[in-house]
Amino acid sequence: MNKQKKILVLCPYPQNCAPSQRLKFEQYYPHFEKEGFNVTVSPFVSQQFWKILYKKGFWLKKIIYTIYGYLIRFKDLFRIRSFDIIYVHLWVTPFGPPIFELLLSKLAKKIIYDIDDMVFLGHASEANKKFKPLKGTQKMIYLMKIANHVITCTPTLDQFVKQHNKNTTDISSTINTDVYIPKTNYELFSPVIIGWSGSHSTSTYLKILEPVFEKLLDYGINFKILIIGNKDFCFNNKTIPYEAIEWNLHTEVEDLKKIDIGVYPLPNESWVFGKSGLKALQYMALGIPTIATAIGANYRIIKHGENGFLIKDNNVEEWVKTLLQLINDKSLREKIGKKGIETVEKNFSVKANAVKYISVLKSL
């Protein structure tokens, strides 16, 4: 038998927590193992750190946990040579110049760099914006340059990375269709559930639709906004009916299935062009008719009027018109929902993309 190849994954977050890991490379570990690659995972953020990472305050604990993360990375340096491939997601360490990344380049046999979002532009959640100036945005550029291969997730991001490394593969966030079992009932009950799912840092994008929801109220539509992922979210307009719940790995699919119509609003800013359209893919995989802003990777996922709807420039009237169409037409909801399922299964499922990851690993 051939000797198993060993992979060390250096990632920011614990397993099964962050979408950029959970719905990208983490769900392919069984496929890696099946092809003879033994996977070891080393997250910078511990489970205890993760629980407070996006909460306001807890500064002392966050500093202590960050120091602990650096100690973990220091220990990792002593075992890097024993692995055949080092798989880095986003960064090795979060702050300052690329010192640990430089040491990695000297010690690693082969490096795969996995980048999600335009992280090199600099970004911080509302809870941790005080630390934004300390973030090492040059680490990402350095990792692009030293990697043997870079995995991106959008056409725009892939094009940017190619300026620094010609060896790239664009693999979108993907859905495990064995877990995401689609809905079959397209009847509407009162109130209509318009849903959004995401993180604390992106929940502010939902406020783009406040004028849309206000107009739905003016039309007398009985609806509720379901927000999954930020239980502290609130609209500026207190008359908009909503329910905000915390994301839970074990109930994620069932929570999403409560949604009648999924919305994915995005602002027109550079950061957005690194997003792979994950929210839209989650809705579509479950057969939930989806409306999204016409920007970035959403164009390659959604064909307007066929498997979803794209709204240019977040035009309020178009958002309202499309929502009303879906609310009032069951056959349209079903048609769009079923086409969405087909799109995900064919192009954006784990089954459809596993060969791409395996191909990258074997090429090294």
Protein backbone atom coordinates (compact mmCIF):
# COMPACT_ATOMS: atom_id res chain seq x y z
CA MET A 1 0.00 0.00 0.00
CA ASN A 2 1.13 3.55 -0.70
CA LYS A 3 2.04 5.60 2.34
CA GLN A 4 -0.68 8.07 3.36
CA LYS A 5 0.10 11.71 2.64
CA LYS A 6 -0.23 14.01 5.62
CA ILE A 7 -1.99 17.40 5.52
CA LEU A 8 -1.83 20.02 8.29
CA VAL A 9 -4.67 22.54 8.06
CA LEU A 10 -3.80 25.90 9.63
CA CYS A 11 -7.10 27.75 9.91
CA PRO A 12 -8.47 30.67 11.95
CA TYR A 13 -11.53 29.02 13.51
CA PRO A 14 -12.63 25.77 15.18
CA GLN A 15 -14.24 23.11 13.02
CA ASN A 16 -17.96 23.34 12.17
CA CYS A 17 -18.23 27.00 13.18
CA ALA A 18 -17.26 29.53 10.48
CA PRO A 19 -19.02 29.35 7.07
CA SER A 20 -15.79 30.19 5.22
CA GLN A 21 -14.38 26.89 6.52
CA ARG A 22 -17.47 24.79 7.19
CA LEU A 23 -19.05 25.22 3.76
CA LYS A 24 -15.77 25.17 1.89
CA PHE A 25 -12.89 22.78 2.59
CA GLU A 26 -14.01 21.25 5.92
CA GLN A 27 -16.81 19.25 4.36
CA TYR A 28 -14.29 17.63 2.00
CA TYR A 29 -12.14 16.03 4.71
CA PRO A 30 -13.82 12.61 4.24
CA HIS A 31 -13.02 12.84 0.51
CA PHE A 32 -9.40 13.73 1.31
CA GLU A 33 -9.13 10.74 3.65
CA LYS A 34 -10.70 8.43 1.07
CA GLU A 35 -8.03 9.45 -1.46
CA GLY A 36 -5.21 8.70 0.97
CA PHE A 37 -4.64 12.07 2.63
CA ASN A 38 -4.53 12.10 6.44
CA VAL A 39 -5.84 15.43 7.79
CA THR A 40 -4.74 17.19 11.00
CA VAL A 41 -6.45 20.48 11.89
CA SER A 42 -4.93 23.30 13.95
CA PRO A 43 -7.26 26.29 14.52
CA PHE A 44 -5.89 29.58 15.90
CA VAL A 45 -9.16 30.36 17.71
CA SER A 46 -10.17 27.89 20.43
CA GLN A 47 -13.76 26.84 21.10
CA GLN A 48 -13.76 29.06 24.22
CA PHE A 49 -12.46 32.02 22.19
CA TRP A 50 -15.07 31.42 19.48
CA LYS A 51 -17.90 31.81 22.01
CA ILE A 52 -16.90 35.44 22.70
CA LEU A 53 -15.08 36.38 19.49
CA TYR A 54 -17.94 38.38 17.96
CA LYS A 55 -19.39 39.67 21.21
CA LYS A 56 -18.71 43.21 22.32
CA GLY A 57 -16.26 43.62 25.19
CA PHE A 58 -14.38 40.71 26.82
CA TRP A 59 -11.14 42.52 25.89
CA LEU A 60 -8.92 40.86 28.50
CA LYS A 61 -10.15 37.37 27.60
CA LYS A 62 -9.74 38.11 23.88
CA ILE A 63 -6.14 39.22 24.44
CA ILE A 64 -5.36 36.11 26.52
CA TYR A 65 -6.94 33.78 23.95
CA THR A 66 -5.04 35.57 21.15
CA ILE A 67 -1.73 35.01 22.96
CA TYR A 68 -2.71 31.36 23.37
CA GLY A 69 -3.37 31.19 19.61
CA TYR A 70 0.14 32.47 18.92
CA LEU A 71 1.57 29.80 21.24
CA ILE A 72 -0.30 27.16 19.24
CA ARG A 73 1.23 28.50 16.03
CA PHE A 74 4.71 28.53 17.62
CA LYS A 75 4.27 24.83 18.46
CA ASP A 76 3.02 24.17 14.91
CA LEU A 77 6.34 25.43 13.52
CA PHE A 78 8.12 22.46 15.08
CA ARG A 79 5.95 19.88 13.29
CA ILE A 80 5.51 21.47 9.86
CA ARG A 81 8.33 19.42 8.31
CA SER A 82 6.54 16.19 9.18
CA PHE A 83 3.62 17.04 6.87
CA ASP A 84 3.52 16.69 3.09
CA ILE A 85 1.13 19.61 2.55
CA ILE A 86 0.31 22.64 4.69
CA TYR A 87 -3.20 23.91 3.92
CA VAL A 88 -3.59 27.54 5.05
CA HIS A 89 -6.94 29.30 5.22
CA LEU A 90 -6.90 33.14 5.29
CA TRP A 91 -3.82 33.59 7.52
CA VAL A 92 -1.43 31.76 9.80
CA THR A 93 -1.63 34.46 12.49
CA PRO A 94 -3.94 37.49 12.41
CA PHE A 95 -1.81 40.52 13.34
CA GLY A 96 1.28 42.34 12.19
CA PRO A 97 3.74 41.54 9.37
CA PRO A 98 3.95 38.04 7.81
CA ILE A 99 6.57 36.66 10.20
CA PHE A 100 4.94 33.28 10.86
CA GLU A 101 4.07 33.08 7.17
CA LEU A 102 7.74 33.64 6.28
CA LEU A 103 8.80 30.84 8.65
CA LEU A 104 6.14 28.62 7.09
CA SER A 105 7.58 29.25 3.62
CA LYS A 106 10.99 28.07 4.84
CA LEU A 107 9.72 24.95 6.59
CA ALA A 108 6.80 23.62 4.52
CA LYS A 109 7.29 21.07 1.77
CA LYS A 110 4.17 22.21 -0.13
CA ILE A 111 1.64 24.96 0.62
CA ILE A 112 -1.97 25.35 -0.47
CA TYR A 113 -3.46 28.74 0.32
CA ASP A 114 -7.26 28.97 0.56
CA ILE A 115 -8.62 32.53 0.46
CA ASP A 116 -12.24 33.53 1.05
CA ASP A 117 -13.51 37.11 0.67
CA MET A 118 -11.27 40.07 -0.21
CA VAL A 119 -9.60 39.81 3.21
CA PHE A 120 -6.51 41.68 2.01
CA LEU A 121 -8.65 44.86 1.88
CA GLY A 122 -8.92 44.83 5.67
CA HIS A 123 -12.17 44.13 7.48
CA ALA A 124 -13.35 43.84 11.06
CA SER A 125 -16.59 43.00 12.79
CA GLU A 126 -18.41 45.70 14.73
CA ALA A 127 -17.43 43.99 17.99
CA ASN A 128 -13.70 44.00 17.19
CA LYS A 129 -13.21 47.13 15.07
CA LYS A 130 -10.69 48.50 17.62
CA PHE A 131 -8.26 45.82 16.43
CA LYS A 132 -8.67 46.57 12.71
CA PRO A 133 -5.46 48.69 12.43
CA LEU A 134 -3.46 45.74 13.81
CA LYS A 135 -4.66 43.27 11.19
CA GLY A 136 -1.91 41.99 8.91
CA THR A 137 -3.50 42.49 5.49
CA GLN A 138 -0.13 41.97 3.75
CA LYS A 139 -0.06 38.40 5.04
CA MET A 140 -2.61 37.42 2.40
CA ILE A 141 -0.56 38.84 -0.48
CA TYR A 142 2.54 37.10 0.87
CA LEU A 143 0.71 33.77 1.13
CA MET A 144 -0.56 34.13 -2.44
CA LYS A 145 3.02 34.53 -3.63
CA ILE A 146 4.63 31.66 -1.70
CA ALA A 147 1.89 29.05 -2.13
CA ASN A 148 2.31 26.18 -4.55
CA HIS A 149 -1.39 26.50 -5.30
CA VAL A 150 -4.13 28.99 -4.34
CA ILE A 151 -7.81 28.07 -4.00
CA THR A 152 -10.13 31.03 -4.53
CA CYS A 153 -13.93 31.23 -4.49
CA THR A 154 -15.07 33.93 -6.97
CA PRO A 155 -14.01 34.99 -10.49
CA THR A 156 -12.97 38.47 -9.29
CA LEU A 157 -10.89 37.07 -6.43
CA ASP A 158 -9.31 34.51 -8.76
CA GLN A 159 -8.37 37.23 -11.23
CA PHE A 160 -6.74 39.27 -8.46
CA VAL A 161 -4.73 36.32 -7.11
CA LYS A 162 -3.42 35.49 -10.60
CA GLN A 163 -1.44 38.73 -10.45
CA HIS A 164 0.68 37.05 -7.75
CA ASN A 165 0.35 33.33 -8.54
CA LYS A 166 -0.69 31.64 -11.78
CA ASN A 167 -1.55 28.35 -10.06
CA THR A 168 -5.12 28.95 -8.91
CA THR A 169 -8.40 27.05 -8.81
CA ASP A 170 -11.73 28.81 -8.34
CA ILE A 171 -13.96 26.64 -6.12
CA SER A 172 -17.11 28.25 -4.79
CA SER A 173 -18.57 27.61 -1.37
CA THR A 174 -20.58 24.43 -1.78
CA ILE A 175 -23.53 22.61 -0.25
CA ASN A 176 -23.70 19.05 1.06
CA THR A 177 -26.88 17.92 -0.66
CA ASP A 178 -27.00 14.79 1.51
CA VAL A 179 -27.73 17.12 4.44
CA TYR A 180 -29.69 19.88 2.69
CA ILE A 181 -32.85 17.95 1.84
CA PRO A 182 -35.15 20.31 -0.15
CA LYS A 183 -38.62 21.39 0.91
CA THR A 184 -41.55 20.01 -1.05
CA ASN A 185 -44.43 22.21 0.11
CA TYR A 186 -44.78 25.63 -1.50
CA GLU A 187 -47.98 26.66 0.26
CA LEU A 188 -47.80 29.94 2.19
CA PHE A 189 -49.12 30.38 5.68
CA SER A 190 -49.61 33.56 7.66
CA PRO A 191 -47.32 35.34 8.19
CA VAL A 192 -45.12 34.90 5.11
CA ILE A 193 -41.56 34.19 6.27
CA ILE A 194 -38.93 36.24 4.44
CA GLY A 195 -35.57 34.91 5.58
CA TRP A 196 -31.93 35.91 5.83
CA SER A 197 -29.01 33.90 7.20
CA GLY A 198 -25.49 35.09 7.94
CA SER A 199 -22.99 36.36 10.48
CA HIS A 200 -22.94 39.27 12.91
CA SER A 201 -20.62 41.21 10.60
CA THR A 202 -22.86 40.88 7.51
CA SER A 203 -26.25 41.30 9.19
CA THR A 204 -26.01 45.07 8.64
CA TYR A 205 -26.55 44.38 4.93
CA LEU A 206 -30.11 43.32 5.72
CA LYS A 207 -30.87 46.94 6.65
CA ILE A 208 -30.53 47.77 2.95
CA LEU A 209 -34.01 46.27 2.63
CA GLU A 210 -35.68 48.35 5.35
CA PRO A 211 -37.42 50.60 2.76
CA VAL A 212 -38.60 47.43 0.96
CA PHE A 213 -40.13 45.97 4.11
CA GLU A 214 -41.76 49.31 4.91
CA LYS A 215 -43.49 49.25 1.52
CA LEU A 216 -44.69 45.70 2.13
CA LEU A 217 -46.29 46.96 5.33
CA ASP A 218 -47.95 49.74 3.33
CA TYR A 219 -49.37 47.09 0.99
CA GLY A 220 -50.87 45.30 3.99
CA ILE A 221 -48.77 42.13 3.54
CA ASN A 222 -48.67 39.94 6.65
CA PHE A 223 -45.01 38.93 6.83
CA LYS A 224 -42.16 38.34 9.26
CA ILE A 225 -38.42 38.60 8.70
CA LEU A 226 -36.51 35.61 10.07
CA ILE A 227 -32.85 36.47 10.83
CA ILE A 228 -30.59 33.48 11.43
CA GLY A 229 -27.16 34.15 12.88
CA ASN A 230 -27.41 37.38 14.86
CA LYS A 231 -29.94 37.22 17.68
CA ASP A 232 -29.07 40.81 18.69
CA PHE A 233 -30.10 42.24 15.32
CA CYS A 234 -32.78 44.93 15.17
CA PHE A 235 -34.12 47.19 12.45
CA ASN A 236 -34.06 50.96 12.79
CA ASN A 237 -37.78 50.94 11.99
CA LYS A 238 -39.36 49.22 14.98
CA THR A 239 -42.60 48.50 13.10
CA ILE A 240 -40.97 45.88 10.85
CA PRO A 241 -41.92 42.44 12.24
CA TYR A 242 -38.94 40.14 12.70
CA GLU A 243 -37.51 37.28 14.72
CA ALA A 244 -33.74 36.98 15.26
CA ILE A 245 -32.24 33.66 16.34
CA GLU A 246 -28.69 32.44 16.95
CA TRP A 247 -27.15 30.12 14.38
CA ASN A 248 -27.01 26.51 15.53
CA LEU A 249 -25.17 23.80 13.62
CA HIS A 250 -27.63 21.09 14.67
CA THR A 251 -30.77 23.03 13.67
CA GLU A 252 -29.38 25.03 10.74
CA VAL A 253 -31.20 23.19 7.95
CA GLU A 254 -34.53 23.03 9.79
CA ASP A 255 -34.28 26.73 10.65
CA LEU A 256 -33.61 27.58 7.01
CA LYS A 257 -36.58 25.46 5.92
CA LYS A 258 -38.89 27.82 7.82
CA ILE A 259 -38.15 30.44 5.15
CA ASP A 260 -40.68 30.95 2.34
CA ILE A 261 -38.56 33.45 0.38
CA GLY A 262 -34.83 33.96 0.86
CA VAL A 263 -33.22 37.39 0.47
CA TYR A 264 -29.55 38.18 -0.10
CA PRO A 265 -28.96 41.96 -0.24
CA LEU A 266 -25.41 43.23 -0.75
CA PRO A 267 -23.91 46.72 -1.00
CA ASN A 268 -21.83 47.79 -3.99
CA GLU A 269 -18.38 47.70 -2.41
CA SER A 270 -15.08 45.97 -3.18
CA TRP A 271 -15.36 43.55 -0.24
CA VAL A 272 -18.48 41.98 -1.77
CA PHE A 273 -16.66 40.76 -4.90
CA GLY A 274 -14.90 38.15 -2.79
CA LYS A 275 -18.17 36.63 -1.60
CA SER A 276 -19.17 33.37 -3.27
CA GLY A 277 -22.93 33.75 -2.88
CA LEU A 278 -23.19 31.25 -0.04
CA LYS A 279 -26.49 32.53 1.37
CA ALA A 280 -28.13 32.21 -2.03
CA LEU A 281 -26.76 28.68 -2.41
CA GLN A 282 -28.11 27.64 0.99
CA TYR A 283 -31.60 28.89 0.13
CA MET A 284 -31.55 27.40 -3.36
CA ALA A 285 -30.31 23.99 -2.17
CA LEU A 286 -33.45 23.74 -0.03
CA GLY A 287 -35.74 24.84 -2.85
CA ILE A 288 -36.37 28.26 -1.30
CA PRO A 289 -37.05 30.89 -4.02
CA THR A 290 -34.25 33.42 -3.77
CA ILE A 291 -33.86 37.13 -4.48
CA ALA A 292 -30.37 38.63 -4.45
CA THR A 293 -28.54 41.81 -5.35
CA ALA A 294 -27.16 41.69 -8.89
CA ILE A 295 -23.46 41.84 -8.07
CA GLY A 296 -20.31 39.70 -8.06
CA ALA A 297 -20.59 35.92 -7.90
CA ASN A 298 -24.41 36.10 -7.73
CA TYR A 299 -24.34 36.45 -11.52
CA ARG A 300 -22.83 32.99 -11.97
CA ILE A 301 -25.26 31.37 -9.51
CA ILE A 302 -28.58 32.98 -10.42
CA LYS A 303 -30.14 33.29 -13.86
CA HIS A 304 -32.74 36.01 -13.45
CA GLY A 305 -36.29 34.69 -13.69
CA GLU A 306 -35.13 31.07 -14.09
CA ASN A 307 -33.67 29.84 -10.79
CA GLY A 308 -33.93 33.06 -8.79
CA PHE A 309 -34.08 36.82 -9.15
CA LEU A 310 -31.37 39.48 -9.36
CA ILE A 311 -32.09 43.09 -8.40
CA LYS A 312 -29.80 45.71 -9.93
CA ASP A 313 -28.58 48.57 -7.73
CA ASN A 314 -30.84 47.32 -4.91
CA ASN A 315 -33.74 49.12 -6.56
CA VAL A 316 -36.49 49.32 -3.92
CA GLU A 317 -39.37 49.09 -6.38
CA GLU A 318 -37.87 46.00 -8.03
CA TRP A 319 -37.34 44.30 -4.66
CA VAL A 320 -40.97 45.02 -3.72
CA LYS A 321 -42.33 43.93 -7.12
CA THR A 322 -40.40 40.63 -7.03
CA LEU A 323 -41.39 39.84 -3.45
CA LEU A 324 -45.05 40.48 -4.28
CA GLN A 325 -44.81 38.24 -7.37
CA LEU A 326 -43.47 35.36 -5.31
CA ILE A 327 -45.92 35.92 -2.46
CA ASN A 328 -48.89 35.90 -4.83
CA ASP A 329 -47.88 33.06 -7.18
CA LYS A 330 -47.41 29.54 -5.81
CA SER A 331 -46.47 28.07 -9.21
CA LEU A 332 -43.72 30.68 -9.60
CA ARG A 333 -42.35 29.89 -6.13
CA GLU A 334 -42.28 26.19 -6.99
CA LYS A 335 -40.72 26.69 -10.43
CA ILE A 336 -37.95 28.94 -9.11
CA GLY A 337 -37.39 26.73 -6.07
CA LYS A 338 -36.97 23.53 -8.09
CA LYS A 339 -34.64 25.20 -10.60
CA GLY A 340 -32.55 26.40 -7.67
CA ILE A 341 -32.20 22.82 -6.42
CA GLU A 342 -31.04 21.68 -9.87
CA THR A 343 -28.45 24.49 -10.06
CA VAL A 344 -26.89 23.61 -6.72
CA GLU A 345 -26.82 19.86 -7.38
CA LYS A 346 -25.19 20.32 -10.78
CA ASN A 347 -22.66 23.08 -10.06
CA PHE A 348 -22.40 23.95 -6.37
CA SER A 349 -22.68 20.69 -4.43
CA VAL A 350 -19.94 18.78 -2.61
CA LYS A 351 -20.46 15.87 -5.00
CA ALA A 352 -19.90 18.10 -8.02
CA ASN A 353 -16.76 19.76 -6.65
CA ALA A 354 -14.88 17.07 -4.69
CA VAL A 355 -12.83 16.17 -7.76
CA LYS A 356 -11.52 19.76 -7.95
CA TYR A 357 -10.06 19.64 -4.44
CA ILE A 358 -8.61 16.17 -4.94
CA SER A 359 -7.05 17.30 -8.21
CA VAL A 360 -5.26 20.17 -6.44
CA LEU A 361 -3.94 17.86 -3.69
CA LYS A 362 -2.71 15.26 -6.16
CA SER A 363 -1.02 17.90 -8.33
CA LEU A 364 1.33 18.58 -5.41
